């Protein structure tokens, strides 16, 4: 585990001043970008990841990082408990952890049961366990924001990717159900559904021709960046989305016109 002092810089935007935000999958590109933006807006940020987030803590200005298998309930409870012990509260949870890059695209009849379980667990079980772990302190405080990461494939489907598409569609259902259950306690729950985000791993997986086809299929033919997704997450966590809950925000350049 790694710790930094709480941020006390001057001349910083303070939308999240005094708030504690937990970002899962914090060692990855999107987790880092989201953490950096939240910290820059005044939040005290804790990063949780199965990989050591020490470098991400240093890079993003996060306050704390912990290694945890987010599919293991005891490890999730321990990590969230450590955040509560250090800072006394959790105001924001960003459920960003989950497998995507490295998931093979194959016909569904070729997906092994173990692979199915691994993809669904990493995306759905982890989000469930983390939401469960923060629910009690958020309900007690009668405030909170949870943002889950889905995918635009949950809207229009994708051939040869059934395990991933199913997992991300489940996140949409989870978001809606949690919004109804937690709303009376003042907790908003939303999801962000990105399109293909321009990261080295995604570019390597798609190849240049595949990437060009994806971007060319968007109405806005600019590449989607991690910063675009981080801004959407921060909007849903912030005061501008005070009365928004149960929604899935597509951030995909208009690649499809479907909506939830």
Protein backbone atom coordinates (compact mmCIF):
# COMPACT_ATOMS: atom_id res chain seq x y z
CA UNK A 1 0.00 0.00 0.00
CA UNK A 2 1.16 3.49 -0.76
CA UNK A 3 0.11 6.82 0.71
CA UNK A 4 0.50 10.50 -0.04
CA UNK A 5 -0.61 13.48 2.01
CA UNK A 6 -3.99 15.02 1.29
CA UNK A 7 -3.80 17.65 -1.43
CA UNK A 8 -3.68 21.24 -0.23
CA UNK A 9 -2.60 23.12 -3.33
CA UNK A 10 -3.91 26.58 -4.00
CA UNK A 11 -5.58 27.77 -7.19
CA UNK A 12 -7.21 24.41 -7.90
CA UNK A 13 -10.79 23.87 -9.03
CA UNK A 14 -12.73 22.61 -6.03
CA UNK A 15 -15.80 20.77 -7.38
CA UNK A 16 -14.72 17.79 -5.26
CA UNK A 17 -12.98 19.57 -2.38
CA UNK A 18 -13.34 17.60 0.84
CA UNK A 19 -14.61 14.50 -0.98
CA UNK A 20 -13.03 11.06 -1.09
CA UNK A 21 -13.18 9.19 -4.40
CA UNK A 22 -12.35 5.52 -4.97
CA UNK A 23 -11.31 4.56 -8.51
CA UNK A 24 -11.01 0.86 -9.30
CA UNK A 25 -8.73 -0.32 -12.06
CA UNK A 26 -6.65 2.66 -11.06
CA UNK A 27 -3.39 1.37 -12.53
CA UNK A 28 -4.76 1.35 -16.10
CA UNK A 29 -4.91 4.19 -18.62
CA UNK A 30 -8.52 5.21 -18.00
CA UNK A 31 -8.23 4.76 -14.25
CA UNK A 32 -5.17 6.99 -14.16
CA UNK A 33 -6.81 9.65 -16.29
CA UNK A 34 -9.93 9.66 -14.11
CA UNK A 35 -7.88 9.78 -10.92
CA UNK A 36 -5.78 12.65 -12.22
CA UNK A 37 -8.87 14.66 -13.12
CA UNK A 38 -10.64 14.01 -9.81
CA UNK A 39 -7.51 14.92 -7.85
CA UNK A 40 -7.15 18.07 -9.93
CA UNK A 41 -10.71 18.99 -8.97
CA UNK A 42 -9.86 18.73 -5.30
CA UNK A 43 -10.79 15.14 -4.41
CA UNK A 44 -8.77 12.85 -2.20
CA UNK A 45 -8.41 9.84 -4.50
CA UNK A 46 -7.82 6.20 -3.58
CA UNK A 47 -6.79 3.77 -6.33
CA UNK A 48 -7.61 0.06 -6.13
CA UNK A 49 -6.22 -2.46 -8.60
CA UNK A 50 -5.08 -6.06 -8.83
CA UNK A 51 -1.83 -4.59 -10.18
CA UNK A 52 0.33 -2.42 -7.92
CA UNK A 53 -0.96 1.17 -8.33
CA UNK A 54 2.12 2.79 -6.76
CA UNK A 55 3.25 4.41 -10.01
CA UNK A 56 -0.29 5.61 -10.73
CA UNK A 57 -0.56 7.15 -7.25
CA UNK A 58 2.62 9.12 -7.87
CA UNK A 59 1.66 10.12 -11.41
CA UNK A 60 -1.92 11.22 -10.77
CA UNK A 61 -1.67 12.96 -7.41
CA UNK A 62 -3.86 10.32 -5.79
CA UNK A 63 -3.62 10.09 -2.01
CA UNK A 64 -3.58 6.34 -1.57
CA UNK A 65 -3.30 3.07 -3.47
CA UNK A 66 -3.99 -0.54 -2.56
CA UNK A 67 -3.52 -3.86 -4.30
CA UNK A 68 -6.73 -5.89 -4.21
CA UNK A 69 -8.40 -8.64 -6.21
CA UNK A 70 -11.70 -6.88 -6.81
CA UNK A 71 -13.49 -10.18 -7.41
CA UNK A 72 -12.63 -11.26 -3.85
CA UNK A 73 -15.13 -9.92 -1.32
CA UNK A 74 -12.74 -10.04 1.63
CA UNK A 75 -10.07 -8.10 -0.28
CA UNK A 76 -12.59 -5.51 -1.48
CA UNK A 77 -13.96 -5.03 2.03
CA UNK A 78 -10.43 -4.75 3.38
CA UNK A 79 -9.39 -2.13 0.83
CA UNK A 80 -12.53 -0.02 1.29
CA UNK A 81 -12.16 -0.42 5.05
CA UNK A 82 -8.63 0.97 4.80
CA UNK A 83 -9.92 3.99 2.86
CA UNK A 84 -12.57 4.59 5.53
CA UNK A 85 -10.00 4.19 8.30
CA UNK A 86 -7.70 6.77 6.72
CA UNK A 87 -10.23 9.33 5.48
CA UNK A 88 -13.51 8.58 7.27
CA UNK A 89 -15.75 8.62 4.22
CA UNK A 90 -16.31 7.59 0.62
CA UNK A 91 -18.24 10.07 -1.50
CA UNK A 92 -17.52 8.75 -5.00
CA UNK A 93 -16.99 5.26 -6.41
CA UNK A 94 -15.85 4.80 -10.01
CA UNK A 95 -16.21 1.14 -10.99
CA UNK A 96 -13.65 1.11 -13.78
CA UNK A 97 -12.06 -2.32 -13.24
CA UNK A 98 -12.78 -5.08 -15.75
CA UNK A 99 -11.30 -7.10 -18.59
CA UNK A 100 -11.47 -5.77 -22.13
CA UNK A 101 -8.11 -5.72 -23.85
CA UNK A 102 -6.85 -9.27 -24.21
CA UNK A 103 -10.35 -10.77 -24.37
CA UNK A 104 -10.38 -12.91 -27.51
CA UNK A 105 -13.07 -12.22 -30.09
CA UNK A 106 -14.39 -15.63 -31.12
CA UNK A 107 -17.77 -17.16 -32.06
CA UNK A 108 -19.76 -17.68 -28.89
CA UNK A 109 -19.77 -21.46 -29.30
CA UNK A 110 -15.98 -21.37 -28.95
CA UNK A 111 -16.01 -19.45 -25.65
CA UNK A 112 -14.97 -21.73 -22.81
CA UNK A 113 -16.94 -21.65 -19.57
CA UNK A 114 -13.84 -20.59 -17.64
CA UNK A 115 -13.23 -17.69 -20.03
CA UNK A 116 -16.89 -16.67 -19.74
CA UNK A 117 -16.68 -16.67 -15.96
CA UNK A 118 -13.43 -14.69 -15.95
CA UNK A 119 -14.78 -11.93 -18.20
CA UNK A 120 -18.16 -11.66 -16.48
CA UNK A 121 -16.66 -11.78 -12.99
CA UNK A 122 -14.01 -9.15 -13.69
CA UNK A 123 -16.61 -6.72 -15.02
CA UNK A 124 -19.80 -7.50 -13.07
CA UNK A 125 -18.80 -9.18 -9.81
CA UNK A 126 -16.15 -6.54 -9.12
CA UNK A 127 -18.63 -3.69 -9.62
CA UNK A 128 -21.19 -5.42 -7.39
CA UNK A 129 -18.70 -6.05 -4.59
CA UNK A 130 -17.32 -2.51 -4.65
CA UNK A 131 -20.79 -0.95 -4.68
CA UNK A 132 -21.78 -3.22 -1.80
CA UNK A 133 -18.70 -2.21 0.18
CA UNK A 134 -19.38 1.54 -0.10
CA UNK A 135 -23.16 1.33 0.29
CA UNK A 136 -23.16 1.38 4.09
CA UNK A 137 -21.03 4.52 4.59
CA UNK A 138 -22.82 6.29 1.74
CA UNK A 139 -26.25 5.39 3.12
CA UNK A 140 -25.22 6.53 6.58
CA UNK A 141 -24.03 9.86 5.14
CA UNK A 142 -27.13 10.06 2.90
CA UNK A 143 -25.04 11.08 -0.06
CA UNK A 144 -22.84 9.50 -2.69
CA UNK A 145 -22.11 9.01 -6.36
CA UNK A 146 -21.40 5.71 -8.10
CA UNK A 147 -20.37 5.58 -11.75
CA UNK A 148 -20.06 2.21 -13.47
CA UNK A 149 -18.18 1.63 -16.72
CA UNK A 150 -20.23 -0.09 -19.41
CA UNK A 151 -19.60 -0.05 -23.18
CA UNK A 152 -21.44 1.08 -26.27
CA UNK A 153 -21.39 -2.58 -27.35
CA UNK A 154 -24.15 -3.03 -24.76
CA UNK A 155 -26.34 -0.88 -27.06
CA UNK A 156 -25.72 -2.34 -30.49
CA UNK A 157 -24.06 -5.67 -29.76
CA UNK A 158 -20.90 -7.00 -31.35
CA UNK A 159 -20.34 -10.31 -33.07
CA UNK A 160 -17.79 -12.71 -31.59
CA UNK A 161 -17.68 -10.81 -28.30
CA UNK A 162 -20.64 -12.27 -26.41
CA UNK A 163 -18.93 -12.60 -23.02
CA UNK A 164 -17.84 -8.96 -22.96
CA UNK A 165 -21.07 -7.55 -24.41
CA UNK A 166 -23.13 -9.54 -21.91
CA UNK A 167 -21.03 -8.30 -19.01
CA UNK A 168 -21.33 -4.67 -20.07
CA UNK A 169 -25.08 -4.99 -20.65
CA UNK A 170 -25.36 -6.40 -17.14
CA UNK A 171 -23.65 -3.24 -15.86
CA UNK A 172 -26.49 -1.18 -17.36
CA UNK A 173 -29.10 -3.27 -15.55
CA UNK A 174 -27.10 -3.10 -12.33
CA UNK A 175 -26.89 0.68 -12.65
CA UNK A 176 -30.65 1.06 -13.03
CA UNK A 177 -31.44 -1.30 -10.15
CA UNK A 178 -28.93 0.36 -7.82
CA UNK A 179 -30.28 3.80 -8.75
CA UNK A 180 -33.75 2.77 -7.60
CA UNK A 181 -32.50 1.06 -4.45
CA UNK A 182 -30.05 3.75 -3.34
CA UNK A 183 -31.91 6.85 -4.50
CA UNK A 184 -33.94 7.19 -1.29
CA UNK A 185 -30.61 7.46 0.56
CA UNK A 186 -29.44 10.36 -1.62
CA UNK A 187 -27.07 8.23 -3.70
CA UNK A 188 -26.98 8.63 -7.49
CA UNK A 189 -25.85 5.73 -9.67
CA UNK A 190 -25.04 6.15 -13.35
CA UNK A 191 -22.94 4.52 -16.06
CA UNK A 192 -20.65 5.68 -18.83
CA UNK A 193 -20.58 3.62 -22.02
CA UNK A 194 -17.47 4.46 -24.06
CA UNK A 195 -16.82 3.61 -27.65
CA UNK A 196 -13.34 2.52 -28.73
CA UNK A 197 -10.92 4.66 -26.73
CA UNK A 198 -7.56 5.62 -28.21
CA UNK A 199 -5.08 3.78 -26.00
CA UNK A 200 -1.98 1.82 -27.02
CA UNK A 201 -3.63 -1.48 -26.08
CA UNK A 202 -6.77 -0.78 -28.13
CA UNK A 203 -4.73 0.40 -31.12
CA UNK A 204 -2.64 -2.76 -30.93
CA UNK A 205 -5.76 -4.95 -30.72
CA UNK A 206 -7.55 -3.29 -33.65
CA UNK A 207 -4.63 -2.50 -35.92
CA UNK A 208 -4.51 0.73 -37.89
CA UNK A 209 -7.08 -0.34 -40.49
CA UNK A 210 -9.51 -1.49 -37.81
CA UNK A 211 -9.02 1.71 -35.84
CA UNK A 212 -9.62 3.84 -38.92
CA UNK A 213 -12.88 1.98 -39.61
CA UNK A 214 -14.08 2.51 -36.04
CA UNK A 215 -13.36 6.24 -36.05
CA UNK A 216 -14.77 6.59 -39.56
CA UNK A 217 -18.06 5.12 -38.34
CA UNK A 218 -18.52 7.88 -35.77
CA UNK A 219 -20.56 11.02 -36.51
CA UNK A 220 -17.77 13.02 -34.89
CA UNK A 221 -14.67 11.56 -36.49
CA UNK A 222 -12.19 12.59 -33.81
CA UNK A 223 -10.60 9.80 -31.78
CA UNK A 224 -12.13 9.19 -28.36
CA UNK A 225 -9.54 9.69 -25.63
CA UNK A 226 -9.31 8.62 -22.02
CA UNK A 227 -9.73 12.28 -21.10
CA UNK A 228 -13.12 12.33 -22.86
CA UNK A 229 -14.28 9.43 -20.72
CA UNK A 230 -12.81 10.89 -17.53
CA UNK A 231 -14.67 14.16 -18.12
CA UNK A 232 -17.95 12.28 -18.53
CA UNK A 233 -17.30 10.37 -15.31
CA UNK A 234 -16.52 13.57 -13.42
CA UNK A 235 -19.68 15.21 -14.75
CA UNK A 236 -21.81 12.37 -13.39
CA UNK A 237 -19.98 12.52 -10.04
CA UNK A 238 -20.22 16.29 -9.77
CA UNK A 239 -22.75 18.95 -8.80
CA UNK A 240 -23.91 19.47 -12.39
CA UNK A 241 -25.51 16.01 -12.33
CA UNK A 242 -27.22 16.54 -8.98
CA UNK A 243 -30.56 15.13 -10.15
CA UNK A 244 -29.27 12.60 -12.73
CA UNK A 245 -29.46 8.92 -11.81
CA UNK A 246 -30.08 5.55 -13.44
CA UNK A 247 -28.71 6.80 -16.75
CA UNK A 248 -26.13 5.42 -19.17
CA UNK A 249 -24.17 8.12 -20.96
CA UNK A 250 -22.77 7.04 -24.32
CA UNK A 251 -19.43 8.64 -25.16
CA UNK A 252 -18.72 7.25 -28.60
CA UNK A 253 -18.76 10.10 -31.09
CA UNK A 254 -22.24 9.16 -32.26
CA UNK A 255 -21.13 5.75 -33.53
CA UNK A 256 -24.71 4.62 -33.15
CA UNK A 257 -27.97 6.39 -32.47
CA UNK A 258 -29.36 3.84 -30.03
CA UNK A 259 -30.13 5.10 -26.53
CA UNK A 260 -31.17 3.67 -23.22
